[in-house]
Amino acid sequence: MSAESAVSPGRDEHKFRAIRRGFRTWRGQRPFWAGLFTLLGGIPIAYIPYATFKLGHMTLAMQTTAGSGALIIGVLLITLGLTMWFHHIVRVFAGVATILLALVSIPIANMGGFVIGFLLSLIGGALSLSWVPGKPVAESAPAEDPSPAPAEAPEAEQWFDDGVAAYETNNEVNGGRNSAG
C-alpha cells in the first residue's frame, strides 16, 4: 500500500478539523449560547400545550384555551434564538424580547412550559444582553523597551512684557534666597 492510497487511516481528519475550526470561529463571533438556550426554551413552551402524554394506560392532555398563545410565544422564542445566531447585531433587542416573552409565558403557557422553557429562555435572554463582541487581536504588537521612559521637560516660564514671570516653576527663586517682605 502506498502513501497516496485512498484507504489510508486518518485521511479525512484534516477536513473534520477544518470544519470544527470554522464552527468555532463562527460561534465566537455571535451570542451562540444565548441563541441555543432561547431556542431550547421555546420548544417546550410551544410543544407542551399540544402534547399528549401516556403513563401506562392513562392519557394526560395539557390542551388549554391558551394553546394558541403558547404556540405563538414558543415560535417567537425559537425565531429570536435563530436571530441571535444569524443576525447578532440586534442581540440587545432579541435579549429584551426573550426575557419579556419568557415572563409572559408563565401565566399563558402552562407555567412557562413547566418552568423548563421559562428558565431556559430567561437564561438565553440574559446571555444575549450580556454578550459583547470580542476585540480583534493585533497581528504583531511592537516590543516594549524595558528601560524607563525619559522624564518630561519642565514647562517654560511665561513672561509678560516687562520681564516679570507670570508663574514660577519652582520654590527656590532668586538663586535659592528667599526674602520675607
Protein backbone atom coordinates (compact mmCIF):
# COMPACT_ATOMS: atom_id res chain seq x y z
CA MET A 1 0.00 0.00 0.00
CA SER A 2 1.42 3.38 -0.94
CA ALA A 3 1.14 6.68 0.92
CA GLU A 4 -1.13 8.05 -1.80
CA SER A 5 -3.63 5.28 -1.25
CA ALA A 6 -7.26 6.33 -0.74
CA VAL A 7 -7.77 3.92 2.14
CA SER A 8 -5.08 5.29 4.46
CA PRO A 9 -6.30 5.82 8.03
CA GLY A 10 -6.93 9.42 9.09
CA ARG A 11 -7.20 10.61 5.51
CA ASP A 12 -10.15 12.95 6.09
CA GLU A 13 -9.09 14.01 9.55
CA HIS A 14 -7.94 17.43 8.37
CA LYS A 15 -11.39 18.15 6.89
CA PHE A 16 -13.01 17.45 10.24
CA ARG A 17 -10.55 19.77 11.95
CA ALA A 18 -11.18 22.49 9.38
CA ILE A 19 -14.95 22.22 9.85
CA ARG A 20 -14.55 22.27 13.61
CA ARG A 21 -12.24 25.30 13.46
CA GLY A 22 -14.71 27.10 11.17
CA PHE A 23 -17.57 26.36 13.55
CA ARG A 24 -15.54 27.65 16.49
CA THR A 25 -14.84 30.87 14.64
CA TRP A 26 -18.50 31.26 13.69
CA ARG A 27 -19.61 30.51 17.25
CA GLY A 28 -17.16 33.02 18.73
CA GLN A 29 -18.49 35.90 16.63
CA ARG A 30 -22.05 35.79 17.92
CA PRO A 31 -24.04 35.02 21.11
CA PHE A 32 -24.17 31.30 20.35
CA TRP A 33 -25.12 30.02 23.81
CA ALA A 34 -27.77 32.71 24.22
CA GLY A 35 -29.40 31.62 20.96
CA LEU A 36 -29.18 27.96 21.93
CA PHE A 37 -30.79 28.47 25.33
CA THR A 38 -33.53 30.64 23.81
CA LEU A 39 -34.19 28.09 21.08
CA LEU A 40 -34.34 25.24 23.59
CA GLY A 41 -36.60 27.32 25.84
CA GLY A 42 -39.11 27.94 23.06
CA ILE A 43 -39.53 24.25 22.25
CA PRO A 44 -41.24 23.11 25.50
CA ILE A 45 -43.34 26.26 25.65
CA ALA A 46 -44.73 25.59 22.17
CA TYR A 47 -44.90 21.78 22.46
CA ILE A 48 -46.37 21.03 25.89
CA PRO A 49 -49.87 22.57 25.37
CA TYR A 50 -50.38 20.31 22.34
CA ALA A 51 -48.68 17.19 23.65
CA THR A 52 -50.46 14.07 24.86
CA PHE A 53 -48.51 12.09 27.40
CA LYS A 54 -49.26 8.47 28.20
CA LEU A 55 -48.45 6.92 31.54
CA GLY A 56 -49.33 3.28 31.19
CA HIS A 57 -53.00 3.29 30.15
CA MET A 58 -53.64 6.81 31.43
CA THR A 59 -53.53 9.69 28.96
CA LEU A 60 -52.56 13.20 30.07
CA ALA A 61 -53.60 16.02 27.77
CA MET A 62 -52.50 19.57 28.52
CA GLN A 63 -54.63 21.20 25.85
CA THR A 64 -55.99 24.51 27.11
CA THR A 65 -57.61 27.57 25.62
CA ALA A 66 -54.24 29.31 25.89
CA GLY A 67 -52.65 26.83 23.49
CA SER A 68 -52.52 29.33 20.64
CA GLY A 69 -50.81 31.89 22.89
CA ALA A 70 -48.28 29.28 23.95
CA LEU A 71 -47.65 28.35 20.33
CA ILE A 72 -47.09 31.99 19.37
CA ILE A 73 -44.72 32.57 22.31
CA GLY A 74 -42.79 29.38 21.56
CA VAL A 75 -42.41 30.17 17.86
CA LEU A 76 -41.29 33.72 18.67
CA LEU A 77 -38.69 32.41 21.11
CA ILE A 78 -37.37 29.97 18.51
CA THR A 79 -37.22 32.81 15.98
CA LEU A 80 -35.39 35.05 18.46
CA GLY A 81 -32.89 32.27 19.14
CA LEU A 82 -32.16 31.95 15.43
CA THR A 83 -31.96 35.75 15.16
CA MET A 84 -29.27 35.78 17.84
CA TRP A 85 -27.27 33.33 15.75
CA PHE A 86 -27.67 34.77 12.28
CA HIS A 87 -28.26 38.49 12.92
CA HIS A 88 -26.26 39.16 16.07
CA ILE A 89 -26.35 42.95 15.63
CA VAL A 90 -29.86 43.03 17.15
CA ARG A 91 -28.78 40.98 20.18
CA VAL A 92 -29.96 43.61 22.70
CA PHE A 93 -33.46 43.75 21.22
CA ALA A 94 -33.59 39.97 20.99
CA GLY A 95 -32.45 39.62 24.61
CA VAL A 96 -35.06 42.04 25.94
CA ALA A 97 -37.81 40.46 23.83
CA THR A 98 -36.75 36.99 25.00
CA ILE A 99 -36.92 37.97 28.66
CA LEU A 100 -40.35 39.59 28.20
CA LEU A 101 -41.72 36.58 26.32
CA ALA A 102 -40.33 34.24 28.99
CA LEU A 103 -42.11 36.24 31.69
CA VAL A 104 -45.35 36.31 29.71
CA SER A 105 -45.15 32.54 29.21
CA ILE A 106 -45.68 31.88 32.94
CA PRO A 107 -49.42 32.72 33.01
CA ILE A 108 -50.15 31.88 29.36
CA ALA A 109 -48.19 28.73 28.51
CA ASN A 110 -48.69 26.24 31.38
CA MET A 111 -46.24 27.84 33.81
CA GLY A 112 -43.78 28.61 31.03
CA GLY A 113 -43.53 25.07 29.72
CA PHE A 114 -43.47 23.59 33.24
CA VAL A 115 -40.79 26.14 34.22
CA ILE A 116 -38.26 24.42 31.94
CA GLY A 117 -38.90 26.65 28.95
CA PHE A 118 -39.19 29.72 31.17
CA LEU A 119 -35.79 29.18 32.79
CA LEU A 120 -34.02 28.32 29.54
CA SER A 121 -35.47 31.38 27.81
CA LEU A 122 -34.64 33.65 30.72
CA ILE A 123 -31.03 32.47 30.75
CA GLY A 124 -30.82 32.88 26.96
CA GLY A 125 -32.14 36.44 27.12
CA ALA A 126 -29.71 37.36 29.89
CA LEU A 127 -26.79 35.87 27.96
CA SER A 128 -27.82 37.79 24.86
CA LEU A 129 -27.88 41.07 26.76
CA SER A 130 -24.50 40.44 28.35
CA TRP A 131 -22.67 39.26 25.23
CA VAL A 132 -20.21 41.73 23.69
CA PRO A 133 -18.23 41.14 20.50
CA GLY A 134 -14.55 40.49 21.14
CA LYS A 135 -11.85 42.88 20.06
CA PRO A 136 -9.67 41.64 17.20
CA VAL A 137 -6.23 40.52 18.24
CA ALA A 138 -3.40 42.70 16.96
CA GLU A 139 -1.31 40.84 14.42
CA SER A 140 2.06 41.99 15.70
CA ALA A 141 2.44 44.09 18.82
CA PRO A 142 5.65 46.12 18.98
CA ALA A 143 8.04 45.00 21.68
CA GLU A 144 8.17 47.46 24.55
CA ASP A 145 11.52 48.84 25.68
CA PRO A 146 12.13 47.76 29.30
CA SER A 147 14.06 50.98 30.04
CA PRO A 148 12.12 53.68 31.88
CA ALA A 149 10.56 56.45 29.86
CA PRO A 150 12.52 59.72 29.75
CA ALA A 151 11.38 62.44 32.12
CA GLU A 152 9.33 65.18 30.56
CA ALA A 153 10.94 68.55 30.09
CA PRO A 154 9.73 71.20 32.54
CA GLU A 155 7.41 73.83 31.18
CA ALA A 156 8.96 77.06 30.06
CA GLU A 157 8.11 80.09 32.17
CA GLN A 158 5.72 82.59 30.70
CA TRP A 159 6.88 86.20 30.80
CA PHE A 160 4.91 89.38 30.48
CA ASP A 161 6.23 92.32 28.51
CA ASP A 162 8.03 93.89 31.47
CA GLY A 163 10.12 90.77 32.23
CA VAL A 164 8.16 89.64 35.31
CA ALA A 165 7.35 85.91 35.42
CA ALA A 166 3.66 85.06 35.24
CA TYR A 167 4.27 81.96 37.33
CA GLU A 168 7.27 80.30 38.84
CA THR A 169 8.02 76.63 38.23
CA ASN A 170 9.96 76.04 41.44
CA ASN A 171 10.05 77.21 45.05
CA GLU A 172 13.60 78.48 45.03
CA VAL A 173 13.54 81.76 43.14
CA ASN A 174 16.28 84.32 43.08
CA GLY A 175 19.06 81.75 43.20
CA GLY A 176 17.76 79.97 46.27
CA ARG A 177 17.46 83.06 48.51
CA ASN A 178 14.04 83.71 49.96
CA SER A 179 13.11 87.08 51.30
CA ALA A 180 10.31 87.89 53.63
CA GLY A 181 8.64 91.09 52.92
